[in-house]
C-alpha atoms as a PDB file:
ATOM      1  CA  MET A   1     -74.808-188.496-146.043  1.00  0.00           C
ATOM      2  CA  LYS A   2     -75.116-185.759-148.660  1.00  0.00           C
ATOM      3  CA  THR A   3     -73.088-185.710-151.864  1.00  0.00           C
ATOM      4  CA  ILE A   4     -71.857-182.351-153.155  1.00  0.00           C
ATOM      5  CA  LEU A   5     -70.237-181.447-156.477  1.00  0.00           C
ATOM      6  CA  VAL A   6     -67.973-178.381-156.286  1.00  0.00           C
ATOM      7  CA  ALA A   7     -66.642-176.556-159.347  1.00  0.00           C
ATOM      8  CA  GLY A   8     -63.868-174.042-158.695  1.00  0.00           C
ATOM      9  CA  ALA A   9     -62.595-175.977-155.680  1.00  0.00           C
ATOM     10  CA  THR A  10     -59.052-174.602-155.932  1.00  0.00           C
ATOM     11  CA  GLY A  11     -60.225-170.992-155.605  1.00  0.00           C
ATOM     12  CA  GLN A  12     -60.018-169.263-152.252  1.00  0.00           C
ATOM     13  CA  THR A  13     -63.749-169.577-151.553  1.00  0.00           C
ATOM     14  CA  GLY A  14     -64.297-172.895-153.317  1.00  0.00           C
ATOM     15  CA  ARG A  15     -61.648-174.570-151.185  1.00  0.00           C
ATOM     16  CA  LEU A  16     -63.406-173.342-148.050  1.00  0.00           C
ATOM     17  CA  VAL A  17     -66.716-174.768-149.323  1.00  0.00           C
ATOM     18  CA  VAL A  18     -64.967-178.126-149.723  1.00  0.00           C
ATOM     19  CA  GLU A  19     -63.476-177.919-146.213  1.00  0.00           C
ATOM     20  CA  HIS A  20     -66.820-176.980-144.612  1.00  0.00           C
ATOM     21  CA  SER A  21     -68.575-179.790-146.503  1.00  0.00           C
ATOM     22  CA  LEU A  22     -66.013-182.390-145.473  1.00  0.00           C
ATOM     23  CA  ALA A  23     -66.338-181.191-141.876  1.00  0.00           C
ATOM     24  CA  LYS A  24     -70.047-182.066-142.153  1.00  0.00           C
ATOM     25  CA  ASP A  25     -69.034-185.582-143.265  1.00  0.00           C
ATOM     26  CA  TYR A  26     -70.471-184.996-146.737  1.00  0.00           C
ATOM     27  CA  LYS A  27     -69.136-186.797-149.777  1.00  0.00           C
ATOM     28  CA  VAL A  28     -67.528-184.174-152.007  1.00  0.00           C
ATOM     29  CA  ARG A  29     -66.694-184.386-155.704  1.00  0.00           C
ATOM     30  CA  VAL A  30     -64.369-181.697-157.047  1.00  0.00           C
ATOM     31  CA  ILE A  31     -63.372-180.746-160.576  1.00  0.00           C
ATOM     32  CA  VAL A  32     -59.901-179.175-160.682  1.00  0.00           C
ATOM     33  CA  ARG A  33     -57.381-178.525-163.419  1.00  0.00           C
ATOM     34  CA  SER A  34     -54.469-179.393-161.117  1.00  0.00           C
ATOM     35  CA  ARG A  35     -54.619-181.523-157.978  1.00  0.00           C
ATOM     36  CA  ASN A  36     -51.408-179.836-156.803  1.00  0.00           C
ATOM     37  CA  ARG A  37     -53.409-176.730-155.917  1.00  0.00           C
ATOM     38  CA  LEU A  38     -55.272-178.575-153.158  1.00  0.00           C
ATOM     39  CA  PRO A  39     -53.766-179.287-149.712  1.00  0.00           C
ATOM     40  CA  SER A  40     -53.031-182.844-148.650  1.00  0.00           C
ATOM     41  CA  GLU A  41     -55.787-182.733-146.009  1.00  0.00           C
ATOM     42  CA  ILE A  42     -58.339-182.508-148.831  1.00  0.00           C
ATOM     43  CA  LEU A  43     -56.584-184.818-151.287  1.00  0.00           C
ATOM     44  CA  GLU A  44     -56.245-187.592-148.710  1.00  0.00           C
ATOM     45  CA  HIS A  45     -59.710-187.242-147.179  1.00  0.00           C
ATOM     46  CA  PRO A  46     -61.763-190.464-147.486  1.00  0.00           C
ATOM     47  CA  ASN A  47     -64.871-188.549-148.601  1.00  0.00           C
ATOM     48  CA  ILE A  48     -63.241-186.721-151.518  1.00  0.00           C
ATOM     49  CA  THR A  49     -63.520-187.706-155.170  1.00  0.00           C
ATOM     50  CA  LEU A  50     -61.240-185.696-157.427  1.00  0.00           C
ATOM     51  CA  ILE A  51     -61.625-185.213-161.171  1.00  0.00           C
ATOM     52  CA  GLU A  52     -58.566-183.576-162.685  1.00  0.00           C
ATOM     53  CA  ALA A  53     -59.793-181.790-165.813  1.00  0.00           C
ATOM     54  CA  SER A  54     -60.951-178.489-167.224  1.00  0.00           C
ATOM     55  CA  LEU A  55     -64.701-178.507-166.632  1.00  0.00           C
ATOM     56  CA  LEU A  56     -65.601-177.215-170.096  1.00  0.00           C
ATOM     57  CA  ASP A  57     -63.489-179.961-171.713  1.00  0.00           C
ATOM     58  CA  LEU A  58     -65.609-182.721-170.181  1.00  0.00           C
ATOM     59  CA  SER A  59     -68.156-184.456-172.405  1.00  0.00           C
ATOM     60  CA  ASP A  60     -71.876-184.246-171.659  1.00  0.00           C
ATOM     61  CA  GLU A  61     -71.767-187.890-170.540  1.00  0.00           C
ATOM     62  CA  GLN A  62     -68.907-187.207-168.131  1.00  0.00           C
ATOM     63  CA  MET A  63     -70.709-184.189-166.722  1.00  0.00           C
ATOM     64  CA  ALA A  64     -73.897-186.171-166.227  1.00  0.00           C
ATOM     65  CA  ASP A  65     -71.972-188.918-164.457  1.00  0.00           C
ATOM     66  CA  LEU A  66     -70.377-186.397-162.094  1.00  0.00           C
ATOM     67  CA  ALA A  67     -73.733-184.835-161.240  1.00  0.00           C
ATOM     68  CA  LYS A  68     -75.498-188.177-160.788  1.00  0.00           C
ATOM     69  CA  GLY A  69     -76.567-188.779-157.197  1.00  0.00           C
ATOM     70  CA  CYS A  70     -75.591-185.285-156.028  1.00  0.00           C
ATOM     71  CA  ASP A  71     -77.794-183.445-153.566  1.00  0.00           C
ATOM     72  CA  ALA A  72     -76.210-180.106-154.432  1.00  0.00           C
ATOM     73  CA  VAL A  73     -73.924-178.497-156.987  1.00  0.00           C
ATOM     74  CA  VAL A  74     -71.814-175.481-156.035  1.00  0.00           C
ATOM     75  CA  SER A  75     -70.007-173.298-158.552  1.00  0.00           C
ATOM     76  CA  CYS A  76     -67.314-170.985-157.210  1.00  0.00           C
ATOM     77  CA  LEU A  77     -65.695-170.591-160.603  1.00  0.00           C
ATOM     78  CA  GLY A  78     -64.134-167.263-161.473  1.00  0.00           C
ATOM     79  CA  HIS A  79     -61.646-165.666-163.818  1.00  0.00           C
ATOM     80  CA  VAL A  80     -57.996-165.357-162.827  1.00  0.00           C
ATOM     81  CA  ILE A  81     -57.210-161.709-162.120  1.00  0.00           C
ATOM     82  CA  ASN A  82     -54.528-161.089-164.707  1.00  0.00           C
ATOM     83  CA  PHE A  83     -54.603-159.878-168.320  1.00  0.00           C
ATOM     84  CA  ASN A  84     -55.082-163.317-169.850  1.00  0.00           C
ATOM     85  CA  GLY A  85     -57.633-164.333-167.232  1.00  0.00           C
ATOM     86  CA  ILE A  86     -59.700-161.193-167.809  1.00  0.00           C
ATOM     87  CA  PHE A  87     -59.467-160.848-171.585  1.00  0.00           C
ATOM     88  CA  GLY A  88     -58.492-164.358-172.716  1.00  0.00           C
ATOM     89  CA  GLU A  89     -60.591-167.445-173.342  1.00  0.00           C
ATOM     90  CA  PRO A  90     -62.937-168.750-172.136  1.00  0.00           C
ATOM     91  CA  LYS A  91     -64.720-165.411-171.771  1.00  0.00           C
ATOM     92  CA  GLN A  92     -67.964-167.142-170.745  1.00  0.00           C
ATOM     93  CA  LEU A  93     -66.475-169.585-168.230  1.00  0.00           C
ATOM     94  CA  CYS A  94     -69.084-169.099-165.498  1.00  0.00           C
ATOM     95  CA  THR A  95     -72.010-168.963-167.913  1.00  0.00           C
ATOM     96  CA  GLU A  96     -71.025-172.047-169.890  1.00  0.00           C
ATOM     97  CA  ALA A  97     -70.237-173.988-166.719  1.00  0.00           C
ATOM     98  CA  THR A  98     -73.629-173.038-165.235  1.00  0.00           C
ATOM     99  CA  LYS A  99     -75.463-174.081-168.398  1.00  0.00           C
ATOM    100  CA  ARG A 100     -73.637-177.403-168.691  1.00  0.00           C
ATOM    101  CA  LEU A 101     -74.010-178.265-165.007  1.00  0.00           C
ATOM    102  CA  CYS A 102     -77.750-177.549-165.180  1.00  0.00           C
ATOM    103  CA  LYS A 103     -77.995-179.702-168.301  1.00  0.00           C
ATOM    104  CA  ALA A 104     -76.078-182.498-166.560  1.00  0.00           C
ATOM    105  CA  ILE A 105     -78.457-182.424-163.604  1.00  0.00           C
ATOM    106  CA  GLU A 106     -81.521-182.449-165.853  1.00  0.00           C
ATOM    107  CA  SER A 107     -80.203-185.356-167.931  1.00  0.00           C
ATOM    108  CA  ASN A 108     -80.176-187.538-164.805  1.00  0.00           C
ATOM    109  CA  CYS A 109     -83.847-186.783-163.992  1.00  0.00           C
ATOM    110  CA  PRO A 110     -83.236-186.865-160.200  1.00  0.00           C
ATOM    111  CA  LEU A 111     -86.187-187.820-158.009  1.00  0.00           C
ATOM    112  CA  SER A 112     -85.751-184.646-155.941  1.00  0.00           C
ATOM    113  CA  PRO A 113     -84.562-181.248-157.225  1.00  0.00           C
ATOM    114  CA  VAL A 114     -80.818-180.676-156.919  1.00  0.00           C
ATOM    115  CA  ARG A 115     -79.760-177.461-155.190  1.00  0.00           C
ATOM    116  CA  PHE A 116     -77.500-175.414-157.466  1.00  0.00           C
ATOM    117  CA  ILE A 117     -75.677-172.623-155.642  1.00  0.00           C
ATOM    118  CA  LEU A 118     -73.774-170.118-157.756  1.00  0.00           C
ATOM    119  CA  MET A 119     -71.256-167.774-156.153  1.00  0.00           C
ATOM    120  CA  ASN A 120     -71.661-164.476-157.956  1.00  0.00           C
ATOM    121  CA  THR A 121     -70.945-160.854-157.013  1.00  0.00           C
ATOM    122  CA  VAL A 122     -72.815-157.907-155.536  1.00  0.00           C
ATOM    123  CA  GLY A 123     -72.146-155.963-158.752  1.00  0.00           C
ATOM    124  CA  VAL A 124     -74.604-158.213-160.607  1.00  0.00           C
ATOM    125  CA  PRO A 125     -78.196-156.942-160.285  1.00  0.00           C
ATOM    126  CA  ASN A 126     -81.174-159.133-159.530  1.00  0.00           C
ATOM    127  CA  PRO A 127     -83.353-158.916-162.672  1.00  0.00           C
ATOM    128  CA  ASN A 128     -86.458-159.667-160.592  1.00  0.00           C
ATOM    129  CA  LEU A 129     -85.985-156.561-158.441  1.00  0.00           C
ATOM    130  CA  SER A 130     -85.621-152.859-159.141  1.00  0.00           C
ATOM    131  CA  GLU A 131     -82.353-152.466-157.299  1.00  0.00           C
ATOM    132  CA  GLN A 132     -81.428-148.807-157.094  1.00  0.00           C
ATOM    133  CA  ARG A 133     -77.926-147.510-157.805  1.00  0.00           C
ATOM    134  CA  GLU A 134     -76.571-143.977-157.966  1.00  0.00           C
ATOM    135  CA  TRP A 135     -76.282-142.681-161.533  1.00  0.00           C
ATOM    136  CA  PHE A 136     -72.474-142.799-161.397  1.00  0.00           C
ATOM    137  CA  GLU A 137     -72.546-146.425-160.251  1.00  0.00           C
ATOM    138  CA  ARG A 138     -74.926-147.295-163.092  1.00  0.00           C
ATOM    139  CA  VAL A 139     -72.478-145.749-165.558  1.00  0.00           C
ATOM    140  CA  VAL A 140     -69.571-147.710-164.061  1.00  0.00           C
ATOM    141  CA  LEU A 141     -71.511-150.989-164.189  1.00  0.00           C
ATOM    142  CA  SER A 142     -72.438-150.329-167.815  1.00  0.00           C
ATOM    143  CA  LEU A 143     -68.778-149.778-168.663  1.00  0.00           C
ATOM    144  CA  LEU A 144     -67.808-152.969-166.834  1.00  0.00           C
ATOM    145  CA  ARG A 145     -70.469-154.855-168.752  1.00  0.00           C
ATOM    146  CA  TRP A 146     -69.017-153.824-172.103  1.00  0.00           C
ATOM    147  CA  LEU A 147     -65.303-153.582-171.307  1.00  0.00           C
ATOM    148  CA  ILE A 148     -64.589-156.318-168.747  1.00  0.00           C
ATOM    149  CA  PRO A 149     -65.677-159.795-169.960  1.00  0.00           C
ATOM    150  CA  PRO A 150     -65.795-161.423-166.465  1.00  0.00           C
ATOM    151  CA  HIS A 151     -68.474-158.974-165.303  1.00  0.00           C
ATOM    152  CA  LYS A 152     -70.664-159.751-168.293  1.00  0.00           C
ATOM    153  CA  ASP A 153     -70.001-163.442-167.669  1.00  0.00           C
ATOM    154  CA  ASN A 154     -71.240-163.167-164.073  1.00  0.00           C
ATOM    155  CA  GLU A 155     -74.392-161.412-165.257  1.00  0.00           C
ATOM    156  CA  THR A 156     -75.256-163.957-167.942  1.00  0.00           C
ATOM    157  CA  ALA A 157     -74.581-166.872-165.577  1.00  0.00           C
ATOM    158  CA  ALA A 158     -77.155-165.494-163.125  1.00  0.00           C
ATOM    159  CA  GLN A 159     -79.509-164.649-165.991  1.00  0.00           C
ATOM    160  CA  HIS A 160     -79.506-168.304-167.086  1.00  0.00           C
ATOM    161  CA  PHE A 161     -81.216-169.219-163.818  1.00  0.00           C
ATOM    162  CA  HIS A 162     -83.914-166.580-164.285  1.00  0.00           C
ATOM    163  CA  SER A 163     -84.546-166.989-168.015  1.00  0.00           C
ATOM    164  CA  ASN A 164     -83.910-170.677-168.664  1.00  0.00           C
ATOM    165  CA  ILE A 165     -84.284-172.603-165.402  1.00  0.00           C
ATOM    166  CA  GLY A 166     -86.928-170.499-163.677  1.00  0.00           C
ATOM    167  CA  GLN A 167     -88.882-171.630-160.635  1.00  0.00           C
ATOM    168  CA  LYS A 168     -90.797-174.593-162.063  1.00  0.00           C
ATOM    169  CA  ASN A 169     -87.933-176.819-163.181  1.00  0.00           C
ATOM    170  CA  LYS A 170     -88.495-180.354-161.838  1.00  0.00           C
ATOM    171  CA  TYR A 171     -84.805-181.110-161.455  1.00  0.00           C
ATOM    172  CA  VAL A 172     -82.964-177.891-160.566  1.00  0.00           C
ATOM    173  CA  GLU A 173     -83.529-175.360-157.803  1.00  0.00           C
ATOM    174  CA  TRP A 174     -81.077-172.483-157.602  1.00  0.00           C
ATOM    175  CA  CYS A 175     -79.661-169.669-155.504  1.00  0.00           C
ATOM    176  CA  SER A 176     -77.118-167.053-156.626  1.00  0.00           C
ATOM    177  CA  VAL A 177     -75.107-165.806-153.635  1.00  0.00           C
ATOM    178  CA  ARG A 178     -73.717-162.278-153.992  1.00  0.00           C
ATOM    179  CA  PRO A 179     -70.832-161.417-151.633  1.00  0.00           C
ATOM    180  CA  ASP A 180     -69.803-157.819-151.121  1.00  0.00           C
ATOM    181  CA  SER A 181     -66.078-156.924-150.883  1.00  0.00           C
ATOM    182  CA  LEU A 182     -64.281-160.249-150.301  1.00  0.00           C
ATOM    183  CA  ILE A 183     -61.577-160.505-147.638  1.00  0.00           C
ATOM    184  CA  ASN A 184     -59.678-163.355-145.994  1.00  0.00           C
ATOM    185  CA  GLU A 185     -60.901-163.793-142.405  1.00  0.00           C
ATOM    186  CA  GLY A 186     -62.332-166.575-140.289  1.00  0.00           C
ATOM    187  CA  VAL A 187     -66.015-167.341-139.865  1.00  0.00           C
ATOM    188  CA  SER A 188     -67.836-164.542-138.038  1.00  0.00           C
ATOM    189  CA  THR A 189     -71.344-163.148-137.742  1.00  0.00           C
ATOM    190  CA  TYR A 190     -72.751-162.054-141.071  1.00  0.00           C
ATOM    191  CA  GLU A 191     -75.851-160.514-142.602  1.00  0.00           C
ATOM    192  CA  ILE A 192     -78.013-161.744-145.467  1.00  0.00           C
ATOM    193  CA  THR A 193     -80.091-159.177-147.356  1.00  0.00           C
ATOM    194  CA  GLU A 194     -82.295-159.231-150.446  1.00  0.00           C
ATOM    195  CA  SER A 195     -80.444-156.398-152.181  1.00  0.00           C
ATOM    196  CA  PRO A 196     -77.191-154.415-151.742  1.00  0.00           C
ATOM    197  CA  SER A 197     -77.338-152.001-148.819  1.00  0.00           C
ATOM    198  CA  THR A 198     -74.033-150.291-149.639  1.00  0.00           C
ATOM    199  CA  GLY A 199     -72.663-148.413-152.609  1.00  0.00           C
ATOM    200  CA  LEU A 200     -70.429-149.871-155.266  1.00  0.00           C
ATOM    201  CA  PHE A 201     -67.392-148.036-153.900  1.00  0.00           C
ATOM    202  CA  ASN A 202     -68.059-148.302-150.172  1.00  0.00           C
ATOM    203  CA  GLY A 203     -68.931-151.961-149.850  1.00  0.00           C
ATOM    204  CA  GLN A 204     -69.065-153.833-146.578  1.00  0.00           C
ATOM    205  CA  PRO A 205     -66.348-156.520-146.199  1.00  0.00           C
ATOM    206  CA  THR A 206     -67.369-160.153-146.616  1.00  0.00           C
ATOM    207  CA  ALA A 207     -65.109-162.925-145.340  1.00  0.00           C
ATOM    208  CA  ARG A 208     -64.728-165.779-147.799  1.00  0.00           C
ATOM    209  CA  SER A 209     -65.205-168.124-144.842  1.00  0.00           C
ATOM    210  CA  ASN A 210     -68.625-166.596-144.257  1.00  0.00           C
ATOM    211  CA  VAL A 211     -69.597-167.128-147.898  1.00  0.00           C
ATOM    212  CA  ALA A 212     -68.575-170.787-147.656  1.00  0.00           C
ATOM    213  CA  HIS A 213     -70.373-171.142-144.315  1.00  0.00           C
ATOM    214  CA  PHE A 214     -73.602-169.727-145.785  1.00  0.00           C
ATOM    215  CA  ILE A 215     -73.385-171.929-148.897  1.00  0.00           C
ATOM    216  CA  VAL A 216     -73.070-175.084-146.798  1.00  0.00           C
ATOM    217  CA  ARG A 217     -75.947-173.924-144.586  1.00  0.00           C
ATOM    218  CA  LEU A 218     -78.091-173.591-147.709  1.00  0.00           C
ATOM    219  CA  ILE A 219     -77.286-177.207-148.511  1.00  0.00           C
ATOM    220  CA  GLU A 220     -78.029-178.629-145.062  1.00  0.00           C
ATOM    221  CA  ASP A 221     -80.855-176.395-143.786  1.00  0.00           C
ATOM    222  CA  ASP A 222     -84.146-177.026-145.610  1.00  0.00           C
ATOM    223  CA  SER A 223     -85.851-174.028-144.015  1.00  0.00           C
ATOM    224  CA  LEU A 224     -83.035-171.678-145.005  1.00  0.00           C
ATOM    225  CA  TRP A 225     -83.052-173.091-148.520  1.00  0.00           C
ATOM    226  CA  THR A 226     -86.795-172.560-148.856  1.00  0.00           C
ATOM    227  CA  SER A 227     -86.268-168.935-147.819  1.00  0.00           C
ATOM    228  CA  TRP A 228     -83.575-168.191-150.399  1.00  0.00           C
ATOM    229  CA  ARG A 229     -84.125-170.501-153.359  1.00  0.00           C
ATOM    230  CA  PHE A 230     -84.799-168.684-156.642  1.00  0.00           C
ATOM    231  CA  ARG A 231     -83.282-165.538-155.136  1.00  0.00           C
ATOM    232  CA  MET A 232     -79.961-163.664-155.131  1.00  0.00           C
ATOM    233  CA  PRO A 233     -79.051-162.959-151.486  1.00  0.00           C
ATOM    234  CA  VAL A 234     -76.325-160.463-150.654  1.00  0.00           C
ATOM    235  CA  ILE A 235     -73.949-161.546-147.877  1.00  0.00           C
ATOM    236  CA  MET A 236     -71.848-159.144-145.766  1.00  0.00           C
ATOM    237  CA  ASN A 237     -69.965-159.325-142.480  1.00  0.00           C
ATOM    238  CA  SER A 238     -71.989-157.905-139.605  1.00  0.00           C
ATOM    239  CA  GLN A 239     -70.984-154.409-138.593  1.00  0.00           C
ATOM    240  CA  GLY A 240     -70.682-155.544-134.982  1.00  0.00           C
ATOM    241  CA  ASP A 241     -68.009-157.872-133.616  1.00  0.00           C
ATOM    242  CA  LEU A 242     -66.516-159.505-136.697  1.00  0.00           C
ATOM    243  CA  ASN A 243     -64.523-161.898-134.569  1.00  0.00           C
ATOM    244  CA  GLU A 244     -67.533-163.601-133.008  1.00  0.00           C
ATOM    245  CA  GLU A 245     -67.318-167.165-134.290  1.00  0.00           C
ATOM    246  CA  LEU A 246     -70.311-169.213-135.331  1.00  0.00           C
ATOM    247  CA  ASP A 247     -70.824-172.914-134.710  1.00  0.00           C
ATOM    248  CA  GLN A 248     -69.624-174.812-137.731  1.00  0.00           C
END
């Protein structure tokens, strides 16, 4: 039985990651600021452990205790889309959470590397690849980087994996999943690519359920994990029949 730690479990995608993980009979630990934002089916599940706190307010010892014994850590943290959520504190929520979760994993010196999966966004480039964008899109992304703190936060969170964790860390292996335009739909067929195949303003829809489905597959499927670890896959709904359900 795998044990998963999920940060951002009350978000629309994070909650689906929790539901998919519980459906696999995994033990799931969640860090939430308010338990009231989770449905009773999750709160009352025998495999759930709930920590009601702001993640960045936890001590290093508390963080290490939460990460101890986990096979995977998933961060679906994001900024609330309102004025205070975009421009208020903490401006580096995703980055600081990623750094502290990595530190917590490392402090436990696990016998096998823990899989850290970060939900990011297709607007964040992979620094290991020369991903091409139209000049206008490059200008827009530059403006977002300087004017909209959450975009910069997403970039620096992913950069921490590349610059500080790398590919030779004994305790942490990572994958940064980049959805395209998020929508609310059920699980369907989806595509995984190395780099964005659409423009910034004509993105291909990505169901949140598909993002959660792929994240849990990365946790359970060793072959899939080996294919995508240390990379930043882009996930999009297939252009074919979006209603074709996958086995869960």
